[in-house]
């Protein structure tokens, strides 16, 4: 009887320990040239699958043309154009992905229409993963720079800025702002301080595709510059753009031309305004950043 109770106690303890210990994450599976690999899918792009295997360190870049199947224990969220496909398996055939709960079944998605691919793994994901799932068409960056030089002339520089971008065919929306301040001071005490730059800038821009290479745009730029004694400068613009070079994954180089109106108001109340012609150029690489992070 004592041995039976002891065995039962050990069984309960072992079961409790098994429940308490974290269960290792299940591996994703990628079939490339007929060989199945296990690991973690880092990203899926229009040309390659970035994959970290369980067999060693480092990340492999697998050509999408060599991949025939991708599976996960989570759920793939594949955003394409203005739609979304979900599933645990992705079959690859030429320029088409088939997303569903089993290989070979589900919704067909053209590789060239990919906007974002994200993997919602069970029991995983922090704040940024939840934001990526909630706002798949958005990307952005935040920059901060501090610099101080202690010399014959001491100088201090501070710069910060952010940019947000929403890319959902056939539209693109950009929003950003930046601030820069630079000061200098004579270390001998002859100069108590000089403000070399103190400027605040902001911009917003909207683009709408009229054709595969042609788009219309409207934008607004604003500036405040203490050194130039500029209280505000506002520049609305509108016109047309043309993509001189573009790739299926929405990387492109474009130029645009339009009209602009410049309004300026300086410290002291002086005002100035005039019309002008606006020229611009833009290079966008949509397969960079979190858009394809899974």
Protein backbone atom coordinates (compact mmCIF):
# COMPACT_ATOMS: atom_id res chain seq x y z
CA UNK A 1 0.00 0.00 0.00
CA UNK A 2 2.81 2.38 0.88
CA UNK A 3 4.59 1.67 -2.42
CA UNK A 4 1.32 2.29 -4.31
CA UNK A 5 0.82 5.68 -2.61
CA UNK A 6 4.46 6.61 -3.32
CA UNK A 7 4.09 5.70 -7.00
CA UNK A 8 0.88 7.71 -7.26
CA UNK A 9 2.54 10.72 -5.62
CA UNK A 10 5.48 10.54 -8.03
CA UNK A 11 3.07 10.29 -10.99
CA UNK A 12 1.15 13.39 -9.84
CA UNK A 13 4.41 15.28 -9.25
CA UNK A 14 5.73 14.38 -12.72
CA UNK A 15 2.46 15.42 -14.35
CA UNK A 16 2.46 18.72 -12.48
CA UNK A 17 6.08 19.38 -13.45
CA UNK A 18 5.29 18.68 -17.10
CA UNK A 19 2.43 21.19 -17.01
CA UNK A 20 4.51 23.82 -15.22
CA UNK A 21 7.48 23.71 -17.59
CA UNK A 22 7.18 25.77 -20.78
CA UNK A 23 6.57 23.75 -23.91
CA UNK A 24 9.08 24.39 -26.68
CA UNK A 25 7.72 26.24 -29.69
CA UNK A 26 6.86 24.01 -32.62
CA UNK A 27 9.00 24.51 -35.70
CA UNK A 28 7.81 25.91 -39.01
CA UNK A 29 8.38 23.71 -42.04
CA UNK A 30 9.62 24.74 -45.50
CA UNK A 31 9.96 22.38 -48.45
CA UNK A 32 12.72 23.55 -50.79
CA UNK A 33 13.75 21.49 -53.86
CA UNK A 34 11.97 18.49 -52.37
CA UNK A 35 13.73 18.69 -48.98
CA UNK A 36 11.74 19.56 -45.84
CA UNK A 37 13.50 21.92 -43.40
CA UNK A 38 12.38 22.75 -39.86
CA UNK A 39 12.94 26.03 -38.10
CA UNK A 40 11.43 29.51 -38.01
CA UNK A 41 10.17 31.52 -40.97
CA UNK A 42 11.66 35.00 -40.47
CA UNK A 43 10.14 36.67 -43.53
CA UNK A 44 8.44 35.97 -46.84
CA UNK A 45 9.10 38.28 -49.76
CA UNK A 46 8.33 38.36 -53.45
CA UNK A 47 11.72 36.79 -54.21
CA UNK A 48 12.90 34.89 -51.14
CA UNK A 49 11.96 33.23 -47.87
CA UNK A 50 14.25 34.06 -44.95
CA UNK A 51 14.43 30.94 -42.78
CA UNK A 52 16.28 30.13 -39.55
CA UNK A 53 16.78 26.38 -39.19
CA UNK A 54 16.84 24.38 -35.97
CA UNK A 55 20.11 22.74 -37.05
CA UNK A 56 22.45 25.67 -36.38
CA UNK A 57 22.93 29.43 -36.16
CA UNK A 58 22.26 31.90 -38.92
CA UNK A 59 19.50 32.57 -41.42
CA UNK A 60 19.09 31.02 -44.86
CA UNK A 61 17.75 33.00 -47.81
CA UNK A 62 15.73 30.54 -49.90
CA UNK A 63 14.68 31.53 -53.42
CA UNK A 64 10.91 31.58 -53.64
CA UNK A 65 11.15 29.77 -56.97
CA UNK A 66 12.83 26.83 -55.16
CA UNK A 67 10.17 26.66 -52.41
CA UNK A 68 7.06 24.53 -52.93
CA UNK A 69 5.45 24.56 -49.47
CA UNK A 70 5.49 26.52 -46.20
CA UNK A 71 3.68 25.35 -43.06
CA UNK A 72 3.31 26.72 -39.54
CA UNK A 73 1.63 25.74 -36.28
CA UNK A 74 0.29 29.28 -36.11
CA UNK A 75 -1.70 31.17 -38.73
CA UNK A 76 -0.29 33.02 -41.72
CA UNK A 77 -1.97 36.37 -42.43
CA UNK A 78 -1.25 37.18 -46.07
CA UNK A 79 -2.25 40.72 -47.02
CA UNK A 80 -2.45 41.35 -50.76
CA UNK A 81 -3.88 44.42 -52.48
CA UNK A 82 -6.86 45.36 -50.32
CA UNK A 83 -7.68 41.81 -49.14
CA UNK A 84 -6.43 39.22 -46.64
CA UNK A 85 -5.99 35.46 -46.83
CA UNK A 86 -5.32 33.28 -43.77
CA UNK A 87 -4.20 29.72 -43.26
CA UNK A 88 -1.62 27.39 -41.76
CA UNK A 89 -0.09 26.36 -45.08
CA UNK A 90 1.19 28.15 -48.17
CA UNK A 91 1.72 26.28 -51.42
CA UNK A 92 4.02 27.98 -53.94
CA UNK A 93 3.65 27.44 -57.68
CA UNK A 94 5.28 29.91 -60.03
CA UNK A 95 4.06 33.44 -59.25
CA UNK A 96 1.10 32.23 -57.18
CA UNK A 97 0.73 31.40 -53.50
CA UNK A 98 -2.19 29.25 -52.33
CA UNK A 99 -3.04 30.03 -48.70
CA UNK A 100 -5.25 27.68 -46.70
CA UNK A 101 -5.50 25.22 -43.82
CA UNK A 102 -3.93 22.49 -45.96
CA UNK A 103 -1.42 22.49 -48.80
CA UNK A 104 -2.98 22.91 -52.23
CA UNK A 105 -6.32 24.23 -50.93
CA UNK A 106 -7.45 27.74 -50.15
CA UNK A 107 -7.15 31.15 -51.77
CA UNK A 108 -4.75 31.91 -54.62
CA UNK A 109 -2.63 35.05 -54.19
CA UNK A 110 -0.39 36.62 -56.85
CA UNK A 111 3.15 37.18 -55.56
CA UNK A 112 3.25 40.64 -57.15
CA UNK A 113 0.26 41.78 -55.07
CA UNK A 114 1.84 40.98 -51.68
CA UNK A 115 1.69 43.79 -49.14
CA UNK A 116 2.55 41.94 -45.92
CA UNK A 117 2.92 38.39 -44.62
CA UNK A 118 2.72 37.83 -40.87
CA UNK A 119 2.75 34.69 -38.75
CA UNK A 120 0.56 34.62 -35.63
CA UNK A 121 2.18 31.88 -33.58
CA UNK A 122 0.28 30.39 -30.60
CA UNK A 123 1.49 31.72 -27.26
CA UNK A 124 3.95 34.13 -28.86
CA UNK A 125 4.02 37.79 -29.81
CA UNK A 126 4.49 41.05 -27.95
CA UNK A 127 3.19 44.56 -28.41
CA UNK A 128 4.85 45.16 -31.78
CA UNK A 129 3.61 41.81 -33.12
CA UNK A 130 0.05 42.73 -32.14
CA UNK A 131 0.42 46.16 -33.77
CA UNK A 132 1.76 44.54 -36.95
CA UNK A 133 -1.31 42.30 -37.14
CA UNK A 134 -3.69 45.18 -36.37
CA UNK A 135 -2.12 47.61 -38.88
CA UNK A 136 -0.56 45.48 -41.66
CA UNK A 137 -0.54 48.26 -44.25
CA UNK A 138 1.41 50.67 -42.03
CA UNK A 139 5.16 51.00 -41.59
CA UNK A 140 7.25 53.68 -39.94
CA UNK A 141 10.47 54.77 -38.30
CA UNK A 142 11.63 56.98 -35.44
CA UNK A 143 15.09 58.59 -35.33
CA UNK A 144 16.95 60.31 -32.50
CA UNK A 145 20.44 61.83 -32.60
CA UNK A 146 22.53 63.60 -29.93
CA UNK A 147 25.99 65.04 -30.47
CA UNK A 148 28.30 67.15 -28.27
CA UNK A 149 31.83 68.36 -29.06
CA UNK A 150 34.08 69.80 -26.32
CA UNK A 151 36.82 71.81 -28.03
CA UNK A 152 37.91 75.41 -28.60
CA UNK A 153 34.33 75.95 -29.70
CA UNK A 154 31.86 73.73 -27.90
CA UNK A 155 28.92 72.55 -29.97
CA UNK A 156 25.77 70.59 -29.25
CA UNK A 157 23.37 69.09 -31.77
CA UNK A 158 20.00 67.44 -31.27
CA UNK A 159 17.81 65.93 -33.97
CA UNK A 160 14.70 63.77 -33.92
CA UNK A 161 12.01 62.77 -36.36
CA UNK A 162 9.46 60.17 -37.36
CA UNK A 163 7.73 59.00 -40.52
CA UNK A 164 4.63 56.86 -41.07
CA UNK A 165 3.54 55.25 -44.34
CA UNK A 166 0.34 53.47 -45.31
CA UNK A 167 0.51 51.49 -48.54
CA UNK A 168 -2.76 49.91 -49.65
CA UNK A 169 -3.36 49.74 -53.38
CA UNK A 170 -4.20 51.93 -55.15
CA UNK A 171 -3.32 54.54 -52.50
CA UNK A 172 -0.26 55.61 -50.49
CA UNK A 173 -0.24 57.98 -47.54
CA UNK A 174 2.81 59.50 -45.84
CA UNK A 175 3.08 61.57 -42.66
CA UNK A 176 6.23 62.80 -40.93
CA UNK A 177 7.89 65.47 -38.83
CA UNK A 178 11.42 66.40 -37.71
CA UNK A 179 13.14 68.79 -35.32
CA UNK A 180 16.77 69.96 -35.38
CA UNK A 181 18.66 72.25 -32.99
CA UNK A 182 22.35 73.16 -33.06
CA UNK A 183 24.24 75.50 -30.71
CA UNK A 184 27.87 76.56 -30.26
CA UNK A 185 29.76 78.24 -27.43
CA UNK A 186 33.27 79.69 -27.10
CA UNK A 187 35.06 77.71 -24.37
CA UNK A 188 37.00 80.86 -23.37
CA UNK A 189 33.79 82.58 -22.37
CA UNK A 190 33.88 85.22 -25.08
CA UNK A 191 30.68 83.89 -26.56
CA UNK A 192 27.91 82.71 -24.24
CA UNK A 193 26.13 80.75 -26.95
CA UNK A 194 25.09 80.82 -30.56
CA UNK A 195 21.96 79.15 -31.96
CA UNK A 196 23.05 77.85 -35.36
CA UNK A 197 19.83 75.97 -36.14
CA UNK A 198 16.42 75.65 -34.55
CA UNK A 199 13.91 74.32 -37.04
CA UNK A 200 10.74 72.26 -37.03
CA UNK A 201 9.45 70.59 -40.20
CA UNK A 202 6.41 68.50 -41.06
CA UNK A 203 4.90 66.95 -44.17
CA UNK A 204 2.01 64.86 -45.41
CA UNK A 205 1.48 63.35 -48.87
CA UNK A 206 -1.23 61.31 -50.57
CA UNK A 207 -0.81 59.35 -53.81
CA UNK A 208 -3.39 57.56 -55.96
CA UNK A 209 -2.48 55.19 -58.80
CA UNK A 210 -4.27 56.11 -62.04
CA UNK A 211 -2.45 53.41 -64.02
CA UNK A 212 0.33 50.87 -63.30
CA UNK A 213 2.96 53.60 -63.74
CA UNK A 214 1.02 56.87 -63.44
CA UNK A 215 -0.23 58.40 -60.18
CA UNK A 216 -1.71 61.65 -58.91
CA UNK A 217 -0.42 63.26 -55.73
CA UNK A 218 -1.19 66.03 -53.29
CA UNK A 219 1.08 67.14 -50.44
CA UNK A 220 1.55 69.77 -47.75
CA UNK A 221 4.87 70.81 -46.19
CA UNK A 222 5.33 73.11 -43.20
CA UNK A 223 8.40 74.71 -41.61
CA UNK A 224 9.31 76.90 -38.63
CA UNK A 225 12.88 78.27 -38.48
CA UNK A 226 14.05 80.53 -35.67
CA UNK A 227 17.43 81.34 -37.29
CA UNK A 228 15.78 82.49 -40.51
CA UNK A 229 13.21 84.43 -38.44
CA UNK A 230 10.56 82.32 -40.17
CA UNK A 231 7.35 81.91 -38.22
CA UNK A 232 5.74 79.59 -40.74
CA UNK A 233 6.24 78.44 -44.31
CA UNK A 234 3.46 76.33 -45.87
CA UNK A 235 3.77 74.71 -49.29
CA UNK A 236 0.78 72.80 -50.71
CA UNK A 237 1.49 70.90 -53.94
CA UNK A 238 -0.49 68.82 -56.44
CA UNK A 239 0.37 67.10 -59.70
CA UNK A 240 1.16 63.85 -61.50
CA UNK A 241 3.95 61.32 -61.12
CA UNK A 242 5.42 58.57 -63.29
CA UNK A 243 7.25 55.40 -62.18
CA UNK A 244 10.34 55.17 -64.37
CA UNK A 245 11.34 51.81 -62.85
CA UNK A 246 9.35 49.33 -60.79
CA UNK A 247 9.56 45.74 -59.59
CA UNK A 248 6.80 43.21 -58.83
CA UNK A 249 7.33 43.63 -55.06
CA UNK A 250 6.40 47.33 -55.41
CA UNK A 251 9.93 48.71 -55.32
CA UNK A 252 10.08 51.66 -57.69
CA UNK A 253 11.76 54.91 -58.69
CA UNK A 254 9.39 57.72 -59.67
CA UNK A 255 9.50 61.37 -60.71
CA UNK A 256 6.68 63.90 -60.38
CA UNK A 257 5.73 67.35 -61.61
CA UNK A 258 3.07 69.73 -60.37
CA UNK A 259 2.13 73.16 -59.18
CA UNK A 260 2.87 74.65 -55.75
CA UNK A 261 1.88 77.68 -53.71
CA UNK A 262 4.29 79.05 -51.11
CA UNK A 263 3.09 81.08 -48.13
CA UNK A 264 5.57 82.62 -45.67
CA UNK A 265 5.15 84.67 -42.52
CA UNK A 266 8.21 86.04 -40.72
CA UNK A 267 8.76 87.26 -37.17
CA UNK A 268 7.46 90.82 -36.99
CA UNK A 269 4.48 90.17 -39.25
CA UNK A 270 6.00 90.40 -42.74
CA UNK A 271 4.28 88.05 -45.23
CA UNK A 272 5.13 86.65 -48.62
CA UNK A 273 3.38 84.28 -51.06
CA UNK A 274 3.91 83.11 -54.63
CA UNK A 275 3.18 80.25 -57.05
CA UNK A 276 5.80 77.87 -58.37
CA UNK A 277 6.51 74.64 -60.21
CA UNK A 278 7.37 71.59 -58.10
CA UNK A 279 9.72 68.82 -59.25
CA UNK A 280 10.29 65.68 -57.21
CA UNK A 281 11.74 62.18 -57.18
CA UNK A 282 11.02 59.19 -54.98
CA UNK A 283 12.66 55.82 -54.46
CA UNK A 284 10.67 53.23 -52.51
CA UNK A 285 11.70 49.71 -51.59
CA UNK A 286 8.58 48.02 -50.27
CA UNK A 287 10.23 44.65 -49.58
CA UNK A 288 12.34 46.29 -46.86
CA UNK A 289 11.24 46.75 -43.30
CA UNK A 290 8.38 45.04 -41.50
CA UNK A 291 6.00 44.81 -44.44
CA UNK A 292 7.12 41.24 -45.10
CA UNK A 293 8.09 40.30 -41.56
CA UNK A 294 6.34 37.24 -40.24
